[in-house]
N, C-alpha and C. Protein backbone atom coordinates (compact mmCIF):
# COMPACT_ATOMS: atom_id res chain seq x y z
N MET A 1 77.74 -240.45 -81.06
CA MET A 1 77.68 -239.08 -80.59
C MET A 1 76.32 -238.85 -79.92
N ILE A 2 76.36 -237.96 -78.93
CA ILE A 2 75.15 -237.60 -78.19
C ILE A 2 74.91 -236.12 -78.40
N GLU A 3 73.71 -235.75 -78.86
CA GLU A 3 73.39 -234.34 -79.01
C GLU A 3 72.81 -233.81 -77.71
N HIS A 4 73.35 -232.67 -77.27
CA HIS A 4 72.90 -232.06 -76.01
C HIS A 4 72.59 -230.59 -76.26
N PHE A 5 71.44 -230.13 -75.77
CA PHE A 5 71.03 -228.74 -75.91
C PHE A 5 71.23 -228.03 -74.58
N PHE A 6 71.71 -226.80 -74.64
CA PHE A 6 71.90 -226.00 -73.42
C PHE A 6 71.82 -224.52 -73.79
N GLN A 7 71.78 -223.68 -72.77
CA GLN A 7 71.67 -222.24 -72.97
C GLN A 7 73.03 -221.57 -72.84
N CYS A 8 73.36 -220.72 -73.80
CA CYS A 8 74.62 -219.98 -73.75
C CYS A 8 74.61 -219.06 -72.53
N PRO A 9 75.69 -219.04 -71.74
CA PRO A 9 75.74 -218.17 -70.56
C PRO A 9 75.90 -216.68 -70.90
N TYR A 10 76.13 -216.36 -72.17
CA TYR A 10 76.28 -214.97 -72.59
C TYR A 10 75.00 -214.43 -73.23
N CYS A 11 74.56 -215.07 -74.32
CA CYS A 11 73.42 -214.55 -75.10
C CYS A 11 72.11 -215.26 -74.77
N PHE A 12 72.18 -216.32 -73.97
CA PHE A 12 71.02 -217.08 -73.50
C PHE A 12 70.23 -217.79 -74.61
N GLU A 13 70.84 -217.90 -75.78
CA GLU A 13 70.22 -218.67 -76.86
C GLU A 13 70.43 -220.16 -76.61
N GLU A 14 69.49 -220.97 -77.04
CA GLU A 14 69.66 -222.42 -76.93
C GLU A 14 70.55 -222.87 -78.07
N ILE A 15 71.61 -223.59 -77.72
CA ILE A 15 72.51 -224.12 -78.73
C ILE A 15 72.67 -225.62 -78.50
N SER A 16 73.11 -226.32 -79.52
CA SER A 16 73.31 -227.76 -79.39
C SER A 16 74.79 -228.08 -79.57
N MET A 17 75.16 -229.19 -78.98
CA MET A 17 76.55 -229.64 -79.03
C MET A 17 76.54 -231.15 -79.17
N LEU A 18 77.46 -231.67 -79.98
CA LEU A 18 77.62 -233.11 -80.09
C LEU A 18 78.70 -233.55 -79.11
N LEU A 19 78.36 -234.50 -78.25
CA LEU A 19 79.28 -234.98 -77.23
C LEU A 19 79.81 -236.35 -77.63
N ASP A 20 81.08 -236.56 -77.41
CA ASP A 20 81.74 -237.81 -77.74
C ASP A 20 81.69 -238.74 -76.51
N PRO A 21 80.91 -239.81 -76.55
CA PRO A 21 80.78 -240.69 -75.38
C PRO A 21 81.99 -241.59 -75.14
N SER A 22 82.99 -241.57 -76.02
CA SER A 22 84.16 -242.43 -75.82
C SER A 22 85.10 -241.88 -74.74
N VAL A 23 84.91 -240.62 -74.33
CA VAL A 23 85.72 -240.02 -73.27
C VAL A 23 84.77 -239.67 -72.13
N SER A 24 84.96 -240.29 -70.97
CA SER A 24 83.98 -240.16 -69.88
C SER A 24 83.98 -238.79 -69.21
N ARG A 25 85.14 -238.15 -69.06
CA ARG A 25 85.21 -236.82 -68.46
C ARG A 25 85.88 -235.88 -69.45
N GLN A 26 85.23 -234.73 -69.66
CA GLN A 26 85.78 -233.78 -70.62
C GLN A 26 85.69 -232.37 -70.06
N GLU A 27 86.70 -231.58 -70.38
CA GLU A 27 86.73 -230.16 -70.01
C GLU A 27 87.40 -229.43 -71.16
N TYR A 28 86.70 -228.48 -71.75
CA TYR A 28 87.27 -227.73 -72.87
C TYR A 28 86.52 -226.43 -73.07
N ILE A 29 87.02 -225.61 -73.96
CA ILE A 29 86.40 -224.32 -74.29
C ILE A 29 85.90 -224.41 -75.72
N GLU A 30 84.66 -223.96 -75.91
CA GLU A 30 84.06 -223.93 -77.24
C GLU A 30 83.32 -222.62 -77.41
N ASP A 31 83.43 -222.02 -78.58
CA ASP A 31 82.74 -220.76 -78.84
C ASP A 31 81.27 -221.00 -79.11
N CYS A 32 80.43 -220.07 -78.61
CA CYS A 32 78.99 -220.13 -78.88
C CYS A 32 78.77 -219.96 -80.38
N GLU A 33 77.91 -220.76 -80.96
CA GLU A 33 77.64 -220.67 -82.40
C GLU A 33 76.79 -219.45 -82.75
N VAL A 34 76.21 -218.78 -81.76
CA VAL A 34 75.39 -217.60 -82.01
C VAL A 34 76.18 -216.31 -81.77
N CYS A 35 76.74 -216.14 -80.56
CA CYS A 35 77.42 -214.88 -80.20
C CYS A 35 78.95 -214.97 -80.26
N CYS A 36 79.50 -216.15 -80.46
CA CYS A 36 80.95 -216.39 -80.61
C CYS A 36 81.78 -216.19 -79.34
N ASN A 37 81.14 -216.03 -78.19
CA ASN A 37 81.89 -215.92 -76.94
C ASN A 37 82.37 -217.30 -76.48
N PRO A 38 83.51 -217.37 -75.78
CA PRO A 38 84.05 -218.66 -75.32
C PRO A 38 83.28 -219.20 -74.12
N ILE A 39 82.93 -220.47 -74.18
CA ILE A 39 82.18 -221.14 -73.11
C ILE A 39 83.04 -222.27 -72.55
N GLN A 40 83.19 -222.28 -71.23
CA GLN A 40 83.91 -223.37 -70.55
C GLN A 40 82.93 -224.53 -70.38
N ILE A 41 83.23 -225.67 -70.99
CA ILE A 41 82.37 -226.85 -70.94
C ILE A 41 83.01 -227.89 -70.02
N ASN A 42 82.23 -228.41 -69.09
CA ASN A 42 82.64 -229.53 -68.23
C ASN A 42 81.53 -230.56 -68.30
N LEU A 43 81.90 -231.80 -68.55
CA LEU A 43 80.87 -232.83 -68.63
C LEU A 43 81.40 -234.18 -68.20
N GLU A 44 80.46 -235.04 -67.84
CA GLU A 44 80.80 -236.40 -67.45
C GLU A 44 79.74 -237.34 -68.02
N LEU A 45 80.22 -238.44 -68.58
CA LEU A 45 79.33 -239.45 -69.14
C LEU A 45 79.61 -240.79 -68.48
N GLU A 46 78.55 -241.56 -68.27
CA GLU A 46 78.67 -242.92 -67.76
C GLU A 46 77.80 -243.83 -68.62
N GLU A 47 78.42 -244.85 -69.18
CA GLU A 47 77.71 -245.82 -70.02
C GLU A 47 76.88 -245.12 -71.11
N ASN A 48 77.54 -244.18 -71.80
CA ASN A 48 76.94 -243.41 -72.90
C ASN A 48 75.76 -242.54 -72.47
N GLU A 49 75.66 -242.24 -71.18
CA GLU A 49 74.62 -241.35 -70.67
C GLU A 49 75.28 -240.13 -70.04
N LEU A 50 74.76 -238.96 -70.35
CA LEU A 50 75.27 -237.72 -69.76
C LEU A 50 74.79 -237.63 -68.32
N VAL A 51 75.72 -237.58 -67.36
CA VAL A 51 75.37 -237.51 -65.94
C VAL A 51 75.70 -236.14 -65.34
N TYR A 52 76.53 -235.35 -66.01
CA TYR A 52 76.87 -234.03 -65.51
C TYR A 52 77.24 -233.15 -66.70
N PHE A 53 76.69 -231.92 -66.71
CA PHE A 53 77.03 -230.97 -67.77
C PHE A 53 76.98 -229.57 -67.20
N GLU A 54 78.03 -228.80 -67.48
CA GLU A 54 78.09 -227.43 -67.02
C GLU A 54 78.69 -226.57 -68.12
N ALA A 55 78.04 -225.44 -68.42
CA ALA A 55 78.53 -224.50 -69.42
C ALA A 55 78.60 -223.13 -68.77
N ASN A 56 79.82 -222.59 -68.62
CA ASN A 56 80.02 -221.32 -67.91
C ASN A 56 80.73 -220.31 -68.79
N SER A 57 80.45 -219.03 -68.49
CA SER A 57 81.18 -217.96 -69.15
C SER A 57 82.61 -217.94 -68.60
N ILE A 58 83.50 -217.38 -69.37
CA ILE A 58 84.89 -217.27 -68.96
C ILE A 58 85.13 -215.83 -68.54
N GLU A 59 85.55 -215.65 -67.30
CA GLU A 59 85.80 -214.29 -66.79
C GLU A 59 87.06 -213.74 -67.44
N GLN A 60 86.95 -212.50 -67.88
CA GLN A 60 88.09 -211.87 -68.57
C GLN A 60 88.59 -210.69 -67.77
């Protein structure tokens, strides 16, 4: 697992996430551990290295 820190697009708190390097491209929704709002996560890994990460708010 790879730990990655980023800023929540809603509350702007720094949060951490464990990334699974066995799947090279991932897209999913995860709730912020601070404000509980849903965050759209997109990421890409190559050879167990994070090469792309995006965390966006979900428009309602």
